[in-house]
Structures are given as C-alpha cells and as structure tokens.
Amino acid sequence: MIESTSLNKETANTEPLVLELFYRSASIVITAEQTPFHIGRDNIESGLSINCEFASRQHCAIEFNDGKFVLKDFSRNGTFVQLNRAQTFRVFNEITPLIGSGCFKLGATMGLDDPERILFRVKHSAKKMA
C-alpha cells in the first residue's frame, strides 16, 4: 500500500489541464478559470463564434467540473461529438466529458474533412504541442 501510494505521487502530473480548440484558422487555449466558455452563433456572448445554419445563438459551453473539461449542450439541434477515434454520438441538452482529443460539430453530423468541425485536445499546461 505504501509503495503504490508513493508511486502514484511520483507519476501523477500536477500541472493544470488546458483545453485547446482548433476551428478553421482559430486556435484557442482555455484554462479552468476561463470557463464557462460559450460557443455559438452569437458573436458577442460567445468566446468562439460559429456561423453555421444548424448552430444556436448560444449553442453549448465548455465548463470545468470535478477536474475535467465537459461540454454542456443547450441547443435545439444538439452537438455531435467524437472522442479520440471512437464512434460519433449526439449530446442533446446534457453534459459529456471531453477526454483526450477529438472533435465536435454544432447541430449536424460531421464528415472527416468537414470544415465546421471543432477539433479539441486536453493536455497539461506545461507540455508543449507535438
């Protein structure tokens, strides 16, 4: 018990998490303190404004809860999320954790090269991009 506790302390990364978003030519880094971070068509209230017919004015928000980033959808059409390379799923008026890397699209399904996809990556702030 003592050895595993010691090992966990040594291997645990204590650097805070950040969420990187990539949309078209925009790159945004979000810290826990910058949440909630709103995404939608509203270019005044949204930290990331998306001009898409299926996006709501205030479509979703990124929040930081219980040590992880989550996507909270409050739209009419939902948000389609793909974590890592898993199957895409729809989030509709609910919350889902954003784990590792992946992508999401507001209001409609997405294709592989869809320019409306928002790519994301969760990482520790001290690590540099590869």
N, C-alpha and C. Protein backbone atom coordinates (compact mmCIF):
# COMPACT_ATOMS: atom_id res chain seq x y z
N MET A 1 0.82 -1.20 0.00
CA MET A 1 0.00 0.00 0.00
C MET A 1 0.86 1.26 0.00
N ILE A 2 1.88 1.31 0.81
CA ILE A 2 2.73 2.48 0.88
C ILE A 2 3.47 2.66 -0.44
N GLU A 3 3.98 1.57 -1.02
CA GLU A 3 4.72 1.67 -2.27
C GLU A 3 3.85 2.21 -3.40
N SER A 4 2.62 1.73 -3.54
CA SER A 4 1.76 2.19 -4.62
C SER A 4 1.35 3.64 -4.43
N THR A 5 1.15 4.05 -3.18
CA THR A 5 0.83 5.45 -2.91
C THR A 5 1.99 6.34 -3.31
N SER A 6 3.19 5.91 -2.95
CA SER A 6 4.39 6.66 -3.30
C SER A 6 4.56 6.73 -4.81
N LEU A 7 4.34 5.62 -5.50
CA LEU A 7 4.45 5.59 -6.95
C LEU A 7 3.44 6.51 -7.60
N ASN A 8 2.20 6.51 -7.10
CA ASN A 8 1.17 7.38 -7.67
C ASN A 8 1.54 8.84 -7.51
N LYS A 9 2.11 9.21 -6.38
CA LYS A 9 2.51 10.60 -6.17
C LYS A 9 3.63 11.01 -7.11
N GLU A 10 4.56 10.08 -7.37
CA GLU A 10 5.68 10.39 -8.25
C GLU A 10 5.24 10.49 -9.70
N THR A 11 4.30 9.66 -10.12
CA THR A 11 3.91 9.64 -11.53
C THR A 11 2.75 10.58 -11.85
N ALA A 12 2.07 11.08 -10.84
CA ALA A 12 0.94 11.98 -11.08
C ALA A 12 1.44 13.33 -11.58
N ASN A 13 0.83 13.85 -12.62
CA ASN A 13 1.19 15.16 -13.15
C ASN A 13 0.34 16.20 -12.43
N THR A 14 1.00 17.13 -11.78
CA THR A 14 0.28 18.14 -11.00
C THR A 14 0.04 19.42 -11.80
N GLU A 15 0.48 19.45 -13.04
CA GLU A 15 0.25 20.63 -13.87
C GLU A 15 -1.24 20.72 -14.21
N PRO A 16 -1.79 21.94 -14.22
CA PRO A 16 -3.22 22.09 -14.53
C PRO A 16 -3.53 21.72 -15.98
N LEU A 17 -4.75 21.29 -16.19
CA LEU A 17 -5.21 20.94 -17.54
C LEU A 17 -5.62 22.20 -18.30
N VAL A 18 -5.44 22.16 -19.60
CA VAL A 18 -5.97 23.18 -20.50
C VAL A 18 -6.68 22.45 -21.64
N LEU A 19 -7.60 23.13 -22.27
CA LEU A 19 -8.30 22.60 -23.44
C LEU A 19 -7.95 23.46 -24.63
N GLU A 20 -7.43 22.84 -25.67
CA GLU A 20 -7.13 23.55 -26.91
C GLU A 20 -8.24 23.29 -27.90
N LEU A 21 -8.74 24.36 -28.51
CA LEU A 21 -9.75 24.26 -29.57
C LEU A 21 -9.14 24.76 -30.87
N PHE A 22 -9.45 24.05 -31.96
CA PHE A 22 -8.99 24.45 -33.29
C PHE A 22 -10.21 24.49 -34.20
N TYR A 23 -10.49 25.68 -34.74
CA TYR A 23 -11.63 25.85 -35.65
C TYR A 23 -11.20 26.74 -36.80
N ARG A 24 -11.24 26.17 -38.00
CA ARG A 24 -10.77 26.88 -39.20
C ARG A 24 -9.36 27.38 -38.93
N SER A 25 -9.12 28.68 -38.95
CA SER A 25 -7.77 29.19 -38.68
C SER A 25 -7.57 29.63 -37.23
N ALA A 26 -8.60 29.47 -36.41
CA ALA A 26 -8.51 29.90 -35.00
C ALA A 26 -7.97 28.78 -34.12
N SER A 27 -7.14 29.18 -33.17
CA SER A 27 -6.61 28.27 -32.15
C SER A 27 -6.81 28.96 -30.80
N ILE A 28 -7.51 28.29 -29.89
CA ILE A 28 -7.86 28.89 -28.60
C ILE A 28 -7.44 27.93 -27.50
N VAL A 29 -6.79 28.46 -26.46
CA VAL A 29 -6.44 27.67 -25.28
C VAL A 29 -7.33 28.14 -24.14
N ILE A 30 -8.03 27.19 -23.51
CA ILE A 30 -8.96 27.51 -22.43
C ILE A 30 -8.45 26.89 -21.13
N THR A 31 -8.35 27.70 -20.10
CA THR A 31 -7.98 27.20 -18.78
C THR A 31 -9.25 27.01 -17.96
N ALA A 32 -9.14 26.32 -16.84
CA ALA A 32 -10.29 26.12 -15.96
C ALA A 32 -10.89 27.45 -15.52
N GLU A 33 -10.04 28.43 -15.30
CA GLU A 33 -10.50 29.75 -14.85
C GLU A 33 -11.29 30.49 -15.92
N GLN A 34 -11.12 30.13 -17.16
CA GLN A 34 -11.81 30.81 -18.27
C GLN A 34 -13.15 30.18 -18.60
N THR A 35 -13.58 29.22 -17.81
CA THR A 35 -14.87 28.58 -18.05
C THR A 35 -15.93 29.22 -17.17
N PRO A 36 -17.18 29.23 -17.56
CA PRO A 36 -17.69 28.63 -18.79
C PRO A 36 -17.28 29.44 -20.03
N PHE A 37 -16.98 28.71 -21.09
CA PHE A 37 -16.58 29.27 -22.37
C PHE A 37 -17.68 28.92 -23.36
N HIS A 38 -18.36 29.94 -23.87
CA HIS A 38 -19.54 29.72 -24.72
C HIS A 38 -19.18 29.65 -26.20
N ILE A 39 -19.91 28.77 -26.90
CA ILE A 39 -19.74 28.59 -28.34
C ILE A 39 -21.12 28.67 -28.98
N GLY A 40 -21.23 29.43 -30.07
CA GLY A 40 -22.50 29.55 -30.78
C GLY A 40 -22.44 30.60 -31.85
N ARG A 41 -23.60 30.92 -32.42
CA ARG A 41 -23.68 31.94 -33.48
C ARG A 41 -23.55 33.35 -32.95
N ASP A 42 -23.86 33.56 -31.70
CA ASP A 42 -23.82 34.90 -31.09
C ASP A 42 -22.37 35.36 -30.97
N ASN A 43 -21.97 36.34 -31.79
CA ASN A 43 -20.58 36.76 -31.77
C ASN A 43 -20.26 37.76 -30.65
N ILE A 44 -21.24 38.12 -29.83
CA ILE A 44 -20.99 38.98 -28.68
C ILE A 44 -20.79 38.14 -27.42
N GLU A 45 -21.67 37.20 -27.18
CA GLU A 45 -21.63 36.37 -25.97
C GLU A 45 -20.70 35.16 -26.09
N SER A 46 -20.40 34.74 -27.30
CA SER A 46 -19.62 33.52 -27.50
C SER A 46 -18.12 33.81 -27.54
N GLY A 47 -17.35 32.96 -26.86
CA GLY A 47 -15.90 33.03 -26.96
C GLY A 47 -15.42 32.55 -28.31
N LEU A 48 -16.20 31.64 -28.91
CA LEU A 48 -15.95 31.15 -30.27
C LEU A 48 -17.26 31.25 -31.03
N SER A 49 -17.28 32.11 -32.03
CA SER A 49 -18.49 32.33 -32.82
C SER A 49 -18.45 31.44 -34.06
N ILE A 50 -19.53 30.67 -34.25
CA ILE A 50 -19.65 29.74 -35.37
C ILE A 50 -20.78 30.20 -36.27
N ASN A 51 -20.49 30.44 -37.55
CA ASN A 51 -21.51 30.86 -38.50
C ASN A 51 -21.99 29.63 -39.26
N CYS A 52 -22.95 28.94 -38.66
CA CYS A 52 -23.46 27.70 -39.24
C CYS A 52 -24.98 27.68 -39.06
N GLU A 53 -25.70 27.27 -40.09
CA GLU A 53 -27.17 27.32 -40.03
C GLU A 53 -27.77 26.42 -38.95
N PHE A 54 -27.06 25.37 -38.53
CA PHE A 54 -27.59 24.45 -37.52
C PHE A 54 -27.19 24.83 -36.09
N ALA A 55 -26.33 25.82 -35.95
CA ALA A 55 -25.88 26.25 -34.62
C ALA A 55 -26.87 27.22 -34.01
N SER A 56 -27.09 27.08 -32.73
CA SER A 56 -27.93 28.03 -31.99
C SER A 56 -27.09 29.25 -31.61
N ARG A 57 -27.77 30.33 -31.26
CA ARG A 57 -27.04 31.55 -30.84
C ARG A 57 -26.12 31.24 -29.66
N GLN A 58 -26.64 30.58 -28.67
CA GLN A 58 -25.85 30.11 -27.53
C GLN A 58 -25.98 28.59 -27.51
N HIS A 59 -25.15 27.93 -28.28
CA HIS A 59 -25.30 26.52 -28.56
C HIS A 59 -24.82 25.61 -27.42
N CYS A 60 -23.60 25.85 -26.97
CA CYS A 60 -23.03 25.00 -25.92
C CYS A 60 -21.98 25.77 -25.14
N ALA A 61 -21.50 25.16 -24.08
CA ALA A 61 -20.45 25.79 -23.27
C ALA A 61 -19.46 24.72 -22.85
N ILE A 62 -18.22 25.14 -22.69
CA ILE A 62 -17.19 24.30 -22.11
C ILE A 62 -17.10 24.72 -20.65
N GLU A 63 -17.19 23.74 -19.76
CA GLU A 63 -17.08 24.01 -18.32
C GLU A 63 -15.99 23.12 -17.76
N PHE A 64 -15.54 23.43 -16.55
CA PHE A 64 -14.55 22.62 -15.86
C PHE A 64 -15.18 22.14 -14.57
N ASN A 65 -15.48 20.84 -14.49
CA ASN A 65 -16.15 20.24 -13.33
C ASN A 65 -15.39 19.02 -12.86
N ASP A 66 -15.20 18.91 -11.57
CA ASP A 66 -14.56 17.73 -10.97
C ASP A 66 -13.24 17.36 -11.64
N GLY A 67 -12.43 18.36 -11.96
CA GLY A 67 -11.11 18.11 -12.51
C GLY A 67 -11.06 17.77 -13.98
N LYS A 68 -12.17 17.99 -14.71
CA LYS A 68 -12.15 17.69 -16.15
C LYS A 68 -13.00 18.71 -16.91
N PHE A 69 -12.66 18.85 -18.20
CA PHE A 69 -13.43 19.71 -19.08
C PHE A 69 -14.64 18.93 -19.57
N VAL A 70 -15.78 19.60 -19.62
CA VAL A 70 -17.01 18.98 -20.11
C VAL A 70 -17.68 19.92 -21.11
N LEU A 71 -18.41 19.33 -22.04
CA LEU A 71 -19.21 20.08 -23.00
C LEU A 71 -20.66 20.00 -22.54
N LYS A 72 -21.28 21.15 -22.40
CA LYS A 72 -22.68 21.22 -21.97
C LYS A 72 -23.49 21.80 -23.12
N ASP A 73 -24.38 20.98 -23.66
CA ASP A 73 -25.21 21.39 -24.80
C ASP A 73 -26.54 21.94 -24.29
N PHE A 74 -26.96 23.08 -24.83
CA PHE A 74 -28.30 23.61 -24.54
C PHE A 74 -28.90 24.17 -25.82
N SER A 75 -28.77 23.41 -26.89
CA SER A 75 -29.21 23.85 -28.22
C SER A 75 -30.48 23.14 -28.64
N ARG A 76 -30.99 23.54 -29.81
CA ARG A 76 -32.16 22.88 -30.39
C ARG A 76 -31.78 21.64 -31.19
N ASN A 77 -30.57 21.63 -31.76
CA ASN A 77 -30.18 20.54 -32.65
C ASN A 77 -29.15 19.58 -32.06
N GLY A 78 -28.62 19.89 -30.90
CA GLY A 78 -27.62 19.03 -30.29
C GLY A 78 -26.22 19.30 -30.82
N THR A 79 -25.26 18.62 -30.22
CA THR A 79 -23.86 18.71 -30.62
C THR A 79 -23.37 17.30 -30.87
N PHE A 80 -22.69 17.10 -31.99
CA PHE A 80 -22.18 15.78 -32.35
C PHE A 80 -20.71 15.71 -31.96
N VAL A 81 -20.37 14.71 -31.15
CA VAL A 81 -19.05 14.61 -30.54
C VAL A 81 -18.38 13.31 -30.94
N GLN A 82 -17.08 13.40 -31.19
CA GLN A 82 -16.27 12.21 -31.42
C GLN A 82 -15.05 12.31 -30.51
N LEU A 83 -14.92 11.36 -29.58
CA LEU A 83 -13.79 11.32 -28.66
C LEU A 83 -12.72 10.40 -29.25
N ASN A 84 -11.50 10.92 -29.34
CA ASN A 84 -10.40 10.18 -29.95
C ASN A 84 -10.87 9.69 -31.32
N ARG A 85 -10.90 8.41 -31.58
CA ARG A 85 -11.37 7.93 -32.90
C ARG A 85 -12.57 7.02 -32.74
N ALA A 86 -13.30 7.21 -31.67
CA ALA A 86 -14.48 6.39 -31.40
C ALA A 86 -15.65 6.84 -32.26
N GLN A 87 -16.75 6.14 -32.13
CA GLN A 87 -17.98 6.45 -32.86
C GLN A 87 -18.52 7.82 -32.44
N THR A 88 -19.04 8.57 -33.38
CA THR A 88 -19.66 9.87 -33.09
C THR A 88 -20.98 9.66 -32.38
N PHE A 89 -21.25 10.52 -31.39
CA PHE A 89 -22.53 10.45 -30.66
C PHE A 89 -23.09 11.86 -30.51
N ARG A 90 -24.39 11.92 -30.28
CA ARG A 90 -25.09 13.20 -30.15
C ARG A 90 -25.31 13.54 -28.68
N VAL A 91 -24.98 14.75 -28.33
CA VAL A 91 -25.24 15.28 -26.99
C VAL A 91 -26.37 16.29 -27.16
N PHE A 92 -27.46 16.09 -26.46
CA PHE A 92 -28.63 16.96 -26.60
C PHE A 92 -29.14 17.35 -25.21
N ASN A 93 -28.96 18.62 -24.86
CA ASN A 93 -29.37 19.14 -23.55
C ASN A 93 -28.80 18.32 -22.40
N GLU A 94 -27.53 17.95 -22.53
CA GLU A 94 -26.85 17.19 -21.49
C GLU A 94 -25.37 17.54 -21.49
N ILE A 95 -24.63 16.89 -20.62
CA ILE A 95 -23.20 17.15 -20.45
C ILE A 95 -22.42 15.89 -20.81
N THR A 96 -21.26 16.07 -21.48
CA THR A 96 -20.35 14.96 -21.73
C THR A 96 -18.92 15.42 -21.48
N PRO A 97 -18.09 14.56 -20.90
CA PRO A 97 -16.68 14.94 -20.69
C PRO A 97 -15.92 14.97 -22.00
N LEU A 98 -14.97 15.89 -22.10
CA LEU A 98 -14.07 15.96 -23.23
C LEU A 98 -12.76 15.34 -22.77
N ILE A 99 -12.44 14.16 -23.28
CA ILE A 99 -11.30 13.38 -22.83
C ILE A 99 -10.31 13.21 -23.97
N GLY A 100 -9.05 13.41 -23.69
CA GLY A 100 -8.01 13.20 -24.71
C GLY A 100 -8.12 14.20 -25.83
N SER A 101 -8.44 13.70 -27.01
CA SER A 101 -8.61 14.57 -28.17
C SER A 101 -9.79 14.08 -28.98
N GLY A 102 -10.24 14.91 -29.89
CA GLY A 102 -11.38 14.55 -30.73
C GLY A 102 -11.91 15.77 -31.44
N CYS A 103 -13.19 15.73 -31.73
CA CYS A 103 -13.82 16.86 -32.42
C CYS A 103 -15.31 16.87 -32.10
N PHE A 104 -15.92 18.01 -32.38
CA PHE A 104 -17.37 18.12 -32.26
C PHE A 104 -17.87 19.14 -33.28
N LYS A 105 -19.16 19.02 -33.59
CA LYS A 105 -19.79 19.93 -34.54
C LYS A 105 -21.14 20.33 -33.99
N LEU A 106 -21.47 21.59 -34.18
CA LEU A 106 -22.73 22.13 -33.67
C LEU A 106 -23.87 21.82 -34.61
N GLY A 107 -24.86 21.09 -34.12
CA GLY A 107 -26.13 20.94 -34.81
C GLY A 107 -26.26 19.94 -35.93
N ALA A 108 -25.18 19.33 -36.39
CA ALA A 108 -25.28 18.41 -37.52
C ALA A 108 -24.14 17.40 -37.46
N THR A 109 -24.36 16.26 -38.12
CA THR A 109 -23.30 15.25 -38.17
C THR A 109 -22.13 15.79 -38.99
N MET A 110 -21.00 15.13 -38.84
CA MET A 110 -19.79 15.64 -39.49
C MET A 110 -19.08 14.57 -40.30
N GLY A 111 -18.40 15.03 -41.32
CA GLY A 111 -17.57 14.16 -42.13
C GLY A 111 -16.11 14.32 -41.74
N LEU A 112 -15.25 13.50 -42.34
CA LEU A 112 -13.83 13.53 -41.99
C LEU A 112 -13.16 14.87 -42.25
N ASP A 113 -13.47 15.50 -43.34
CA ASP A 113 -12.84 16.77 -43.69
C ASP A 113 -13.79 17.95 -43.55
N ASP A 114 -14.77 17.83 -42.71
CA ASP A 114 -15.79 18.86 -42.52
C ASP A 114 -15.15 20.13 -41.95
N PRO A 115 -15.23 21.26 -42.65
CA PRO A 115 -14.61 22.50 -42.16
C PRO A 115 -15.31 23.08 -40.93
N GLU A 116 -16.50 22.61 -40.61
CA GLU A 116 -17.23 23.12 -39.44
C GLU A 116 -16.94 22.33 -38.17
N ARG A 117 -16.10 21.28 -38.28
CA ARG A 117 -15.69 20.54 -37.08
C ARG A 117 -14.83 21.44 -36.20
N ILE A 118 -14.99 21.30 -34.90
CA ILE A 118 -14.12 21.96 -33.94
C ILE A 118 -13.27 20.86 -33.33
N LEU A 119 -11.98 20.91 -33.58
CA LEU A 119 -11.06 19.93 -33.02
C LEU A 119 -10.70 20.35 -31.61
N PHE A 120 -10.48 19.36 -30.73
CA PHE A 120 -10.07 19.69 -29.36
C PHE A 120 -8.99 18.74 -28.88
N ARG A 121 -8.24 19.21 -27.89
CA ARG A 121 -7.24 18.39 -27.23
C ARG A 121 -7.11 18.87 -25.79
N VAL A 122 -7.21 17.93 -24.86
CA VAL A 122 -6.99 18.22 -23.45
C VAL A 122 -5.56 17.85 -23.14
N LYS A 123 -4.83 18.75 -22.48
CA LYS A 123 -3.44 18.46 -22.14
C LYS A 123 -3.05 19.20 -20.87
N HIS A 124 -1.91 18.83 -20.33
CA HIS A 124 -1.36 19.55 -19.19
C HIS A 124 -0.70 20.81 -19.70
N SER A 125 -0.86 21.90 -18.98
CA SER A 125 -0.40 23.21 -19.49
C SER A 125 1.09 23.28 -19.68
N ALA A 126 1.90 22.52 -18.97
CA ALA A 126 3.35 22.60 -19.10
C ALA A 126 3.88 21.86 -20.32
N LYS A 127 3.08 20.95 -20.88
CA LYS A 127 3.52 20.19 -22.05
C LYS A 127 3.42 21.05 -23.29
N LYS A 128 4.36 20.88 -24.19
CA LYS A 128 4.34 21.62 -25.44
C LYS A 128 3.66 20.79 -26.52
N MET A 129 3.11 21.48 -27.52
CA MET A 129 2.43 20.78 -28.60
C MET A 129 3.44 19.96 -29.40
N ALA A 130 2.98 18.79 -29.84
CA ALA A 130 3.86 17.91 -30.63
C ALA A 130 3.88 18.33 -32.08
